[in-house]
Amino acid sequence: MKIIIDRFEGDSAVVELPGKVIINVPKILFPNAKEGDVISIEIDKEETKNRKKHINNLMKDLFKD
């Protein structure tokens, strides 16, 4: 998904989503971004898989019989 930073207002970034939907998002999520920048958002499935595996290993260690 691609979003466009329309403007900044205080601690918020006003961004345009596909379909011309406008929302406010915390500005801290877009360090070094400027008005008009196009941001790509994607799901990192490999990293998600690695995190789940890590959490499961932690739980196994925590709840040993």
N, C-alpha and C. Protein backbone atom coordinates (compact mmCIF):
# COMPACT_ATOMS: atom_id res chain seq x y z
N MET A 1 0.85 -1.17 0.00
CA MET A 1 0.00 0.00 0.00
C MET A 1 0.90 1.23 0.00
N LYS A 2 0.52 2.21 -0.77
CA LYS A 2 1.24 3.47 -0.79
C LYS A 2 0.36 4.56 -0.22
N ILE A 3 0.96 5.39 0.64
CA ILE A 3 0.24 6.53 1.20
C ILE A 3 1.05 7.79 0.91
N ILE A 4 0.38 8.92 0.95
CA ILE A 4 1.03 10.19 0.66
C ILE A 4 0.90 11.09 1.88
N ILE A 5 2.02 11.69 2.27
CA ILE A 5 1.96 12.65 3.37
C ILE A 5 1.47 13.97 2.80
N ASP A 6 0.29 14.37 3.24
CA ASP A 6 -0.32 15.61 2.77
C ASP A 6 0.29 16.82 3.48
N ARG A 7 0.35 16.71 4.84
CA ARG A 7 0.89 17.82 5.63
C ARG A 7 1.14 17.35 7.05
N PHE A 8 1.78 18.19 7.82
CA PHE A 8 2.00 17.93 9.24
C PHE A 8 1.23 18.97 10.05
N GLU A 9 0.59 18.50 11.13
CA GLU A 9 -0.14 19.38 12.04
C GLU A 9 0.25 18.99 13.45
N GLY A 10 1.10 19.80 14.09
CA GLY A 10 1.56 19.47 15.43
C GLY A 10 2.31 18.16 15.42
N ASP A 11 1.87 17.21 16.25
CA ASP A 11 2.51 15.90 16.35
C ASP A 11 1.91 14.87 15.40
N SER A 12 1.06 15.32 14.48
CA SER A 12 0.38 14.39 13.57
C SER A 12 0.82 14.63 12.12
N ALA A 13 0.79 13.56 11.37
CA ALA A 13 0.94 13.63 9.92
C ALA A 13 -0.43 13.36 9.33
N VAL A 14 -0.87 14.21 8.44
CA VAL A 14 -2.12 14.00 7.74
C VAL A 14 -1.76 13.26 6.47
N VAL A 15 -2.25 12.02 6.35
CA VAL A 15 -1.86 11.19 5.21
C VAL A 15 -3.08 10.80 4.38
N GLU A 16 -2.82 10.64 3.09
CA GLU A 16 -3.87 10.21 2.16
C GLU A 16 -3.65 8.74 1.84
N LEU A 17 -4.68 7.95 2.13
CA LEU A 17 -4.67 6.53 1.82
C LEU A 17 -5.26 6.32 0.42
N PRO A 18 -5.13 5.12 -0.13
CA PRO A 18 -5.80 4.84 -1.40
C PRO A 18 -7.30 5.13 -1.28
N GLY A 19 -7.88 5.61 -2.33
CA GLY A 19 -9.29 5.95 -2.32
C GLY A 19 -9.54 7.35 -1.78
N LYS A 20 -8.48 8.13 -1.65
CA LYS A 20 -8.55 9.51 -1.18
C LYS A 20 -9.06 9.63 0.25
N VAL A 21 -8.86 8.59 1.06
CA VAL A 21 -9.21 8.63 2.48
C VAL A 21 -8.10 9.36 3.21
N ILE A 22 -8.47 10.32 4.04
CA ILE A 22 -7.49 11.12 4.79
C ILE A 22 -7.57 10.74 6.26
N ILE A 23 -6.39 10.45 6.87
CA ILE A 23 -6.34 10.13 8.30
C ILE A 23 -5.17 10.85 8.94
N ASN A 24 -5.23 10.97 10.26
CA ASN A 24 -4.11 11.50 11.05
C ASN A 24 -3.35 10.34 11.66
N VAL A 25 -2.03 10.42 11.60
CA VAL A 25 -1.16 9.38 12.12
C VAL A 25 -0.06 10.08 12.92
N PRO A 26 0.42 9.47 14.01
CA PRO A 26 1.52 10.10 14.73
C PRO A 26 2.72 10.39 13.82
N LYS A 27 3.19 11.60 13.88
CA LYS A 27 4.30 12.05 13.03
C LYS A 27 5.57 11.25 13.28
N ILE A 28 5.74 10.73 14.47
CA ILE A 28 6.95 9.98 14.83
C ILE A 28 7.12 8.73 13.96
N LEU A 29 6.04 8.25 13.34
CA LEU A 29 6.13 7.06 12.48
C LEU A 29 6.84 7.36 11.16
N PHE A 30 7.05 8.64 10.85
CA PHE A 30 7.64 9.01 9.57
C PHE A 30 8.86 9.92 9.76
N PRO A 31 9.92 9.41 10.39
CA PRO A 31 11.09 10.25 10.59
C PRO A 31 11.68 10.69 9.24
N ASN A 32 12.07 11.92 9.19
CA ASN A 32 12.72 12.50 7.99
C ASN A 32 11.79 12.65 6.79
N ALA A 33 10.49 12.40 6.94
CA ALA A 33 9.57 12.54 5.83
C ALA A 33 9.17 14.00 5.65
N LYS A 34 8.80 14.33 4.42
CA LYS A 34 8.37 15.69 4.09
C LYS A 34 7.00 15.63 3.45
N GLU A 35 6.33 16.77 3.43
CA GLU A 35 5.04 16.86 2.75
C GLU A 35 5.21 16.44 1.30
N GLY A 36 4.27 15.62 0.83
CA GLY A 36 4.33 15.13 -0.54
C GLY A 36 5.05 13.81 -0.72
N ASP A 37 5.77 13.37 0.32
CA ASP A 37 6.47 12.08 0.22
C ASP A 37 5.48 10.94 0.09
N VAL A 38 5.84 9.96 -0.72
CA VAL A 38 5.05 8.74 -0.87
C VAL A 38 5.72 7.66 -0.03
N ILE A 39 4.94 7.05 0.84
CA ILE A 39 5.43 6.02 1.76
C ILE A 39 4.82 4.68 1.35
N SER A 40 5.67 3.65 1.25
CA SER A 40 5.19 2.30 0.98
C SER A 40 5.06 1.54 2.29
N ILE A 41 3.93 0.88 2.47
CA ILE A 41 3.69 0.06 3.66
C ILE A 41 3.51 -1.38 3.19
N GLU A 42 4.27 -2.28 3.80
CA GLU A 42 4.16 -3.68 3.44
C GLU A 42 4.28 -4.56 4.68
N ILE A 43 3.76 -5.74 4.59
CA ILE A 43 3.86 -6.72 5.67
C ILE A 43 5.09 -7.57 5.42
N ASP A 44 5.95 -7.65 6.42
CA ASP A 44 7.16 -8.46 6.32
C ASP A 44 6.84 -9.85 6.89
N LYS A 45 6.38 -10.74 6.03
CA LYS A 45 5.93 -12.06 6.48
C LYS A 45 7.07 -12.88 7.08
N GLU A 46 8.26 -12.75 6.55
CA GLU A 46 9.40 -13.50 7.08
C GLU A 46 9.73 -13.05 8.50
N GLU A 47 9.75 -11.74 8.73
CA GLU A 47 10.03 -11.23 10.07
C GLU A 47 8.91 -11.61 11.04
N THR A 48 7.66 -11.59 10.58
CA THR A 48 6.54 -12.02 11.42
C THR A 48 6.72 -13.47 11.84
N LYS A 49 7.09 -14.31 10.90
CA LYS A 49 7.33 -15.73 11.19
C LYS A 49 8.46 -15.90 12.22
N ASN A 50 9.54 -15.14 12.04
CA ASN A 50 10.67 -15.21 12.98
C ASN A 50 10.27 -14.76 14.38
N ARG A 51 9.48 -13.70 14.48
CA ARG A 51 9.04 -13.21 15.79
C ARG A 51 8.14 -14.23 16.49
N LYS A 52 7.23 -14.84 15.74
CA LYS A 52 6.35 -15.86 16.33
C LYS A 52 7.16 -17.03 16.85
N LYS A 53 8.15 -17.44 16.08
CA LYS A 53 9.00 -18.55 16.49
C LYS A 53 9.76 -18.17 17.77
N HIS A 54 10.29 -16.97 17.82
CA HIS A 54 11.03 -16.51 19.00
C HIS A 54 10.11 -16.47 20.23
N ILE A 55 8.92 -15.94 20.08
CA ILE A 55 7.96 -15.86 21.20
C ILE A 55 7.58 -17.26 21.66
N ASN A 56 7.34 -18.17 20.74
CA ASN A 56 7.00 -19.55 21.11
C ASN A 56 8.14 -20.20 21.90
N ASN A 57 9.38 -19.95 21.48
CA ASN A 57 10.53 -20.50 22.21
C ASN A 57 10.62 -19.92 23.62
N LEU A 58 10.37 -18.62 23.76
CA LEU A 58 10.36 -18.00 25.08
C LEU A 58 9.29 -18.62 25.98
N MET A 59 8.12 -18.84 25.39
CA MET A 59 7.01 -19.43 26.18
C MET A 59 7.35 -20.86 26.61
N LYS A 60 7.97 -21.62 25.72
CA LYS A 60 8.36 -22.99 26.07
C LYS A 60 9.34 -22.98 27.23
N ASP A 61 10.32 -22.06 27.21
CA ASP A 61 11.28 -21.96 28.30
C ASP A 61 10.61 -21.52 29.61
N LEU A 62 9.65 -20.65 29.51
CA LEU A 62 8.98 -20.11 30.69
C LEU A 62 8.07 -21.15 31.34
N PHE A 63 7.41 -21.95 30.53
CA PHE A 63 6.43 -22.88 31.05
C PHE A 63 6.89 -24.34 31.01
N LYS A 64 8.17 -24.56 31.24
CA LYS A 64 8.68 -25.94 31.27
C LYS A 64 8.01 -26.71 32.40
N ASP A 65 7.79 -27.99 32.16
CA ASP A 65 7.19 -28.86 33.20
C ASP A 65 8.17 -29.13 34.30
